[in-house]
Amino acid sequence: MHTQPSQRVRLGILGAASIARDFVRSVSSSDKITVVAVASRDKRRAERFAEEVGLSRYSASYEDLISDPEIDAVYNPLPNSLHAQWSIRAAQAGKHVLCEKPFSATADEARSMVRAAREAGIYLVEAYPYRSQPLTLRMQEVLVAGEIGSVGLIQAGFEFPLTNELDIRFNPGLRGGALWDLGCYPVSLVTMIAGGTPSRVCASADWATTGVDRAVAANLEFASGLVAQVSCSFGVGPHRHAVIMGSKGIIQTEYLNHTRPKGAQFQIKRCTNWDAPFETVEAPATNGFLAEAESFAEVVRNGPAQWNGVSNEESISIMLTLEAIYTSAQEGKSVDVGLE
């Protein structure tokens, strides 16, 4: 299914989660994509959501939304455990899918999602707003150009405090936990830079009373010799930062989803001299939801070459890595990352 170039892509929302409200408000100014409807299994909740964000259409059935001929694509911000099921159902109904991170609950689910999309002839992509940020795209250019040489070590983390264990992110049945909710970000960043999947991981974790991981730290080893250290936690203050170390320099970045009003920046040292100063690379302030949604709209209009985010292969790689990290933390030993 393709829209005409002059048309805005018509998007339906699966679920009435808080992140969906932020998404709808963020893309309201776009001339490439427009949200036209929302569905929740609770009709009153769907109605309230529609009223709050200014939608005229709502439904108490996900099935009704994905079968609506006036909808071109869906945004899937459902709980992690439901990403695969409803992304596949939407694909089978002929809808393009922008699926919230993490892509799925398992690597096998990720493969099934990609297969279903290809069989249906639709586009399915995973939503990481920071990947569509101009700042990230500029950083990728710097890395590809070899401005800091060969990358040998990466340290990346994402943490913020979350104490309410009634939050769905503490629910093991919904694939909660810090690793799936937060750790997927540093893992996705490392995957982007490494251009592949680690061969071995070694991790440790702190476990919440509900049984999910509250905090995780892991070492990732790549066949190229690259080593990465990733961390995530619900138990410490807000922190989102990465250091990318190469043979000829260093990059420091927050790799933010939504940049601040004054703009975004990363620091780069193109030298191995201890006293060499860091330079600042700047980019415009950008709402990540808007950036990724407009890139997704270009995919729907003009094909996958327009997508500036995570590829399907990367999404599977991220899931393989997350599963290996989780297994390592559970078993207390290093784990080889299986690619089959």
Protein backbone atom coordinates (compact mmCIF):
# COMPACT_ATOMS: atom_id res chain seq x y z
CA MET A 1 0.00 0.00 0.00
CA HIS A 2 1.37 3.44 -0.93
CA THR A 3 -0.13 6.88 -0.49
CA GLN A 4 0.03 9.49 -3.20
CA PRO A 5 2.98 11.90 -2.82
CA SER A 6 0.67 14.83 -2.10
CA GLN A 7 -1.15 13.03 0.71
CA ARG A 8 -0.29 12.92 4.37
CA VAL A 9 0.08 9.38 5.69
CA ARG A 10 -2.98 8.57 7.80
CA LEU A 11 -1.96 6.96 11.07
CA GLY A 12 -3.93 5.04 13.67
CA ILE A 13 -2.74 4.54 17.26
CA LEU A 14 -2.94 1.14 18.99
CA GLY A 15 -3.55 1.81 22.67
CA ALA A 16 -3.98 4.91 24.78
CA ALA A 17 -0.66 4.93 26.62
CA SER A 18 0.98 8.14 27.87
CA ILE A 19 3.71 7.86 25.25
CA ALA A 20 1.01 7.80 22.56
CA ARG A 21 -0.32 11.15 23.81
CA ASP A 22 3.14 12.64 23.55
CA PHE A 23 3.55 11.17 20.08
CA VAL A 24 0.24 12.56 18.78
CA ARG A 25 0.96 16.04 20.10
CA SER A 26 4.49 15.94 18.72
CA VAL A 27 3.44 15.14 15.15
CA SER A 28 0.46 17.50 15.04
CA SER A 29 2.45 20.09 13.07
CA SER A 30 3.56 17.67 10.36
CA ASP A 31 2.54 18.04 6.74
CA LYS A 32 3.69 14.47 6.02
CA ILE A 33 1.73 12.42 8.54
CA THR A 34 -1.51 12.85 10.47
CA VAL A 35 -3.04 10.84 13.30
CA VAL A 36 -6.68 10.12 12.52
CA ALA A 37 -7.83 7.55 15.09
CA VAL A 38 -7.03 5.70 18.30
CA ALA A 39 -8.12 2.31 19.60
CA SER A 40 -8.19 1.00 23.17
CA ARG A 41 -9.85 -2.11 24.55
CA ASP A 42 -11.55 0.25 27.01
CA LYS A 43 -13.94 2.39 24.96
CA ARG A 44 -14.16 5.14 27.57
CA ARG A 45 -10.37 5.33 27.71
CA ALA A 46 -10.21 5.61 23.92
CA GLU A 47 -12.82 8.37 24.01
CA ARG A 48 -10.92 10.33 26.69
CA PHE A 49 -7.68 9.97 24.74
CA ALA A 50 -9.34 11.24 21.56
CA GLU A 51 -10.82 14.22 23.39
CA GLU A 52 -7.48 15.14 25.00
CA VAL A 53 -5.47 15.12 21.78
CA GLY A 54 -8.18 16.33 19.38
CA LEU A 55 -9.06 13.19 17.43
CA SER A 56 -12.55 12.76 16.04
CA ARG A 57 -12.41 8.96 15.77
CA TYR A 58 -11.83 6.28 18.37
CA SER A 59 -12.58 2.61 18.80
CA ALA A 60 -12.77 -0.04 21.53
CA SER A 61 -11.24 -2.61 19.19
CA TYR A 62 -7.73 -2.94 17.82
CA GLU A 63 -9.21 -5.11 15.08
CA ASP A 64 -11.49 -2.30 13.92
CA LEU A 65 -8.58 0.11 13.69
CA ILE A 66 -6.27 -2.13 11.68
CA SER A 67 -9.08 -3.05 9.28
CA ASP A 68 -10.11 0.58 8.67
CA PRO A 69 -9.56 1.36 4.94
CA GLU A 70 -9.03 5.04 5.76
CA ILE A 71 -5.90 4.27 7.77
CA ASP A 72 -2.58 3.74 5.96
CA ALA A 73 -0.37 2.82 8.91
CA VAL A 74 -0.34 2.23 12.65
CA TYR A 75 1.83 3.32 15.55
CA ASN A 76 2.21 0.49 18.08
CA PRO A 77 3.11 1.69 21.61
CA LEU A 78 1.43 -1.25 23.37
CA PRO A 79 3.17 -3.08 26.26
CA ASN A 80 6.33 -4.86 25.13
CA SER A 81 4.71 -8.29 25.27
CA LEU A 82 2.08 -7.20 22.71
CA HIS A 83 4.37 -5.61 20.12
CA ALA A 84 4.78 -8.75 18.03
CA GLN A 85 1.15 -9.87 18.08
CA TRP A 86 -0.36 -6.57 16.98
CA SER A 87 2.41 -5.55 14.61
CA ILE A 88 1.91 -8.85 12.79
CA ARG A 89 -1.87 -8.47 12.81
CA ALA A 90 -1.56 -4.94 11.42
CA ALA A 91 0.84 -6.12 8.71
CA GLN A 92 -1.53 -8.90 7.71
CA ALA A 93 -4.27 -6.27 7.43
CA GLY A 94 -2.08 -4.34 4.99
CA LYS A 95 -1.01 -1.54 7.33
CA HIS A 96 2.51 -0.19 7.57
CA VAL A 97 3.80 -0.27 11.16
CA LEU A 98 5.89 2.05 13.29
CA CYS A 99 6.51 -0.13 16.36
CA GLU A 100 7.78 1.32 19.61
CA LYS A 101 11.01 0.02 21.04
CA PRO A 102 11.81 -2.62 22.10
CA PHE A 103 10.78 -4.28 18.85
CA SER A 104 9.52 -7.43 20.59
CA ALA A 105 9.92 -9.65 23.63
CA THR A 106 12.25 -12.16 21.93
CA ALA A 107 14.47 -12.47 18.87
CA ASP A 108 12.18 -15.18 17.49
CA GLU A 109 9.26 -12.76 17.69
CA ALA A 110 11.35 -10.12 15.90
CA ARG A 111 12.06 -12.53 13.06
CA SER A 112 8.36 -13.41 12.82
CA MET A 113 7.45 -9.73 12.64
CA VAL A 114 9.92 -9.03 9.84
CA ARG A 115 8.78 -12.12 7.95
CA ALA A 116 5.11 -11.13 8.26
CA ALA A 117 5.83 -7.62 7.00
CA ARG A 118 7.73 -8.91 3.97
CA GLU A 119 5.01 -11.43 3.14
CA ALA A 120 2.37 -8.69 3.38
CA GLY A 121 4.41 -6.24 1.31
CA ILE A 122 4.29 -3.52 3.96
CA TYR A 123 6.96 -1.57 5.82
CA LEU A 124 7.62 -2.31 9.50
CA VAL A 125 10.20 -0.30 11.45
CA GLU A 126 11.23 0.11 15.08
CA ALA A 127 10.91 3.52 16.74
CA TYR A 128 14.05 4.98 18.31
CA PRO A 129 13.54 8.76 18.13
CA TYR A 130 17.22 9.53 18.76
CA ARG A 131 18.17 7.67 15.58
CA SER A 132 16.22 10.18 13.45
CA GLN A 133 17.73 13.17 15.24
CA PRO A 134 19.92 15.42 13.03
CA LEU A 135 22.58 15.19 15.75
CA THR A 136 22.73 11.39 15.50
CA LEU A 137 22.81 11.53 11.70
CA ARG A 138 25.73 13.97 11.90
CA MET A 139 27.53 11.72 14.38
CA GLN A 140 27.11 8.78 12.02
CA GLU A 141 28.72 10.84 9.24
CA VAL A 142 31.68 11.62 11.50
CA LEU A 143 32.12 7.96 12.42
CA VAL A 144 31.83 6.71 8.83
CA ALA A 145 34.37 9.30 7.71
CA GLY A 146 36.82 7.90 10.24
CA GLU A 147 37.28 11.21 12.02
CA ILE A 148 38.05 9.45 15.32
CA GLY A 149 39.70 6.46 13.65
CA SER A 150 38.77 2.86 14.39
CA VAL A 151 36.33 2.59 17.32
CA GLY A 152 37.68 0.25 19.99
CA LEU A 153 35.64 1.00 23.12
CA ILE A 154 32.14 2.33 23.82
CA GLN A 155 30.53 3.15 27.16
CA ALA A 156 26.81 3.89 27.01
CA GLY A 157 24.07 4.07 29.63
CA PHE A 158 20.50 5.16 30.20
CA GLU A 159 19.10 5.46 33.70
CA PHE A 160 16.29 7.22 35.55
CA PRO A 161 14.48 6.67 38.88
CA LEU A 162 11.29 4.59 38.91
CA THR A 163 10.13 3.44 42.34
CA ASN A 164 6.47 2.53 41.80
CA GLU A 165 6.48 -1.24 41.35
CA LEU A 166 2.83 -1.09 40.20
CA ASP A 167 4.10 0.53 36.99
CA ILE A 168 3.80 -1.86 34.02
CA ARG A 169 7.57 -1.65 33.57
CA PHE A 170 7.87 -3.78 36.72
CA ASN A 171 5.46 -6.41 35.35
CA PRO A 172 7.32 -9.54 34.15
CA GLY A 173 4.23 -10.73 32.26
CA LEU A 174 4.39 -7.63 30.06
CA ARG A 175 8.14 -8.05 29.43
CA GLY A 176 9.02 -5.28 31.83
CA GLY A 177 12.39 -4.49 33.36
CA ALA A 178 15.13 -1.91 32.92
CA LEU A 179 16.92 -3.87 30.19
CA TRP A 180 13.98 -4.00 27.78
CA ASP A 181 12.73 -0.51 28.62
CA LEU A 182 16.03 1.40 28.91
CA GLY A 183 18.88 -0.92 28.01
CA CYS A 184 17.65 -1.29 24.45
CA TYR A 185 18.81 2.31 23.85
CA PRO A 186 22.53 1.88 24.62
CA VAL A 187 22.46 -1.55 22.96
CA SER A 188 20.95 -0.01 19.82
CA LEU A 189 23.61 2.73 19.84
CA VAL A 190 26.40 0.16 20.14
CA THR A 191 24.82 -1.96 17.38
CA MET A 192 24.71 1.09 15.09
CA ILE A 193 28.38 1.91 15.66
CA ALA A 194 29.64 -1.68 15.56
CA GLY A 195 27.62 -2.54 12.48
CA GLY A 196 26.80 -5.98 13.82
CA THR A 197 25.98 -8.25 16.76
CA PRO A 198 28.37 -9.00 19.64
CA SER A 199 29.80 -12.49 19.80
CA ARG A 200 29.77 -12.72 23.61
CA VAL A 201 28.27 -10.82 26.55
CA CYS A 202 28.77 -10.88 30.31
CA ALA A 203 26.22 -9.16 32.56
CA SER A 204 25.06 -8.69 36.13
CA ALA A 205 21.76 -7.36 37.45
CA ASP A 206 19.85 -6.13 40.47
CA TRP A 207 16.39 -7.68 40.64
CA ALA A 208 13.15 -6.03 41.81
CA THR A 209 10.72 -7.83 44.13
CA THR A 210 8.41 -8.38 41.15
CA GLY A 211 11.09 -10.45 39.46
CA VAL A 212 12.15 -8.03 36.71
CA ASP A 213 15.60 -6.51 36.41
CA ARG A 214 15.89 -3.13 38.14
CA ALA A 215 19.44 -2.46 36.93
CA VAL A 216 21.79 -4.18 34.49
CA ALA A 217 25.43 -3.67 33.49
CA ALA A 218 27.03 -5.69 30.69
CA ASN A 219 30.21 -6.08 28.67
CA LEU A 220 29.78 -6.78 24.96
CA GLU A 221 32.58 -8.33 22.91
CA PHE A 222 32.66 -8.13 19.11
CA ALA A 223 34.64 -10.27 16.70
CA SER A 224 36.30 -7.09 15.39
CA GLY A 225 37.91 -6.51 18.79
CA LEU A 226 35.49 -3.75 19.75
CA VAL A 227 34.40 -3.88 23.40
CA ALA A 228 31.32 -2.06 24.70
CA GLN A 229 30.01 -1.49 28.21
CA VAL A 230 26.28 -0.78 28.56
CA SER A 231 24.16 -0.01 31.61
CA CYS A 232 20.57 0.76 32.56
CA SER A 233 18.73 1.29 35.83
CA PHE A 234 15.44 2.31 37.41
CA GLY A 235 17.24 2.97 40.70
CA VAL A 236 19.44 6.03 40.12
CA GLY A 237 19.14 9.62 38.98
CA PRO A 238 18.55 10.59 35.33
CA HIS A 239 21.57 9.83 33.17
CA ARG A 240 21.90 9.31 29.44
CA HIS A 241 25.38 9.47 28.06
CA ALA A 242 27.79 7.67 25.76
CA VAL A 243 31.52 7.87 25.17
CA ILE A 244 32.80 6.50 21.86
CA MET A 245 36.56 5.98 21.84
CA GLY A 246 38.54 5.58 18.65
CA SER A 247 42.19 5.26 17.65
CA LYS A 248 42.29 8.93 16.66
CA GLY A 249 39.82 10.59 19.00
CA ILE A 250 36.74 10.52 21.19
CA ILE A 251 33.04 11.45 20.92
CA GLN A 252 30.85 12.27 23.93
CA THR A 253 27.09 12.40 23.42
CA GLU A 254 23.78 12.23 25.30
CA TYR A 255 22.06 10.71 22.23
CA LEU A 256 18.76 12.28 23.31
CA ASN A 257 15.33 11.44 21.90
CA HIS A 258 14.14 15.03 22.17
CA THR A 259 16.72 17.79 22.15
CA ARG A 260 16.54 20.91 24.27
CA PRO A 261 15.10 24.23 22.99
CA LYS A 262 18.60 25.67 22.52
CA GLY A 263 19.57 22.79 20.27
CA ALA A 264 21.69 19.67 20.53
CA GLN A 265 25.38 19.00 20.55
CA PHE A 266 28.07 16.38 20.96
CA GLN A 267 31.72 16.86 21.80
CA ILE A 268 34.55 15.48 19.70
CA LYS A 269 38.31 15.32 20.17
CA ARG A 270 40.05 14.55 16.87
CA CYS A 271 43.41 13.86 18.49
CA THR A 272 45.11 11.48 20.92
CA ASN A 273 46.94 14.27 22.75
CA TRP A 274 45.97 14.45 26.43
CA ASP A 275 45.71 18.24 26.30
CA ALA A 276 43.83 18.53 23.02
CA PRO A 277 40.51 20.37 23.48
CA PHE A 278 37.09 18.98 22.69
CA GLU A 279 35.20 20.67 19.86
CA THR A 280 31.43 21.06 19.91
CA VAL A 281 29.28 19.86 17.01
CA GLU A 282 25.81 21.39 17.03
CA ALA A 283 22.47 20.52 15.46
CA PRO A 284 19.02 22.14 15.58
CA ALA A 285 16.55 21.44 18.36
CA THR A 286 14.30 18.62 17.21
CA ASN A 287 11.38 16.63 18.59
CA GLY A 288 12.38 13.00 18.08
CA PHE A 289 8.83 11.75 17.61
CA LEU A 290 8.29 14.24 14.81
CA ALA A 291 11.61 13.40 13.15
CA GLU A 292 11.02 9.64 13.17
CA ALA A 293 7.35 9.97 12.15
CA GLU A 294 8.22 12.10 9.12
CA SER A 295 10.98 9.67 8.12
CA PHE A 296 8.44 6.83 8.46
CA ALA A 297 5.99 8.77 6.29
CA GLU A 298 8.67 9.05 3.59
CA VAL A 299 9.15 5.27 3.79
CA VAL A 300 5.43 4.70 3.25
CA ARG A 301 5.43 7.15 0.33
CA ASN A 302 8.72 6.32 -1.35
CA GLY A 303 10.20 3.11 0.02
CA PRO A 304 12.71 1.88 2.63
CA ALA A 305 15.66 3.92 1.38
CA GLN A 306 13.99 6.94 3.01
CA TRP A 307 14.21 5.47 6.53
CA ASN A 308 16.92 6.98 8.73
CA GLY A 309 16.34 4.74 11.73
CA VAL A 310 16.99 1.15 12.75
CA SER A 311 16.89 -1.47 9.99
CA ASN A 312 15.00 -4.73 10.45
CA GLU A 313 18.33 -6.55 10.66
CA GLU A 314 19.44 -4.21 13.44
CA SER A 315 16.18 -4.76 15.30
CA ILE A 316 16.79 -8.52 15.28
CA SER A 317 20.41 -7.95 16.34
CA ILE A 318 19.29 -5.77 19.26
CA MET A 319 16.86 -8.45 20.43
CA LEU A 320 19.52 -11.17 20.19
CA THR A 321 21.83 -9.01 22.30
CA LEU A 322 19.18 -8.17 24.90
CA GLU A 323 18.28 -11.84 25.28
CA ALA A 324 21.95 -12.80 25.73
CA ILE A 325 22.49 -10.04 28.31
CA TYR A 326 19.41 -11.14 30.26
CA THR A 327 20.48 -14.79 30.21
CA SER A 328 23.99 -13.86 31.33
CA ALA A 329 22.63 -11.81 34.25
CA GLN A 330 20.35 -14.68 35.28
CA GLU A 331 23.00 -17.38 35.04
CA GLY A 332 25.95 -15.37 36.31
CA LYS A 333 28.26 -16.29 33.46
CA SER A 334 29.32 -15.17 29.99
CA VAL A 335 26.98 -16.08 27.14
CA ASP A 336 27.69 -16.51 23.44
CA VAL A 337 25.26 -14.61 21.24
CA GLY A 338 23.56 -17.00 18.84
CA LEU A 339 22.82 -15.65 15.37
CA GLU A 340 20.59 -18.49 14.16
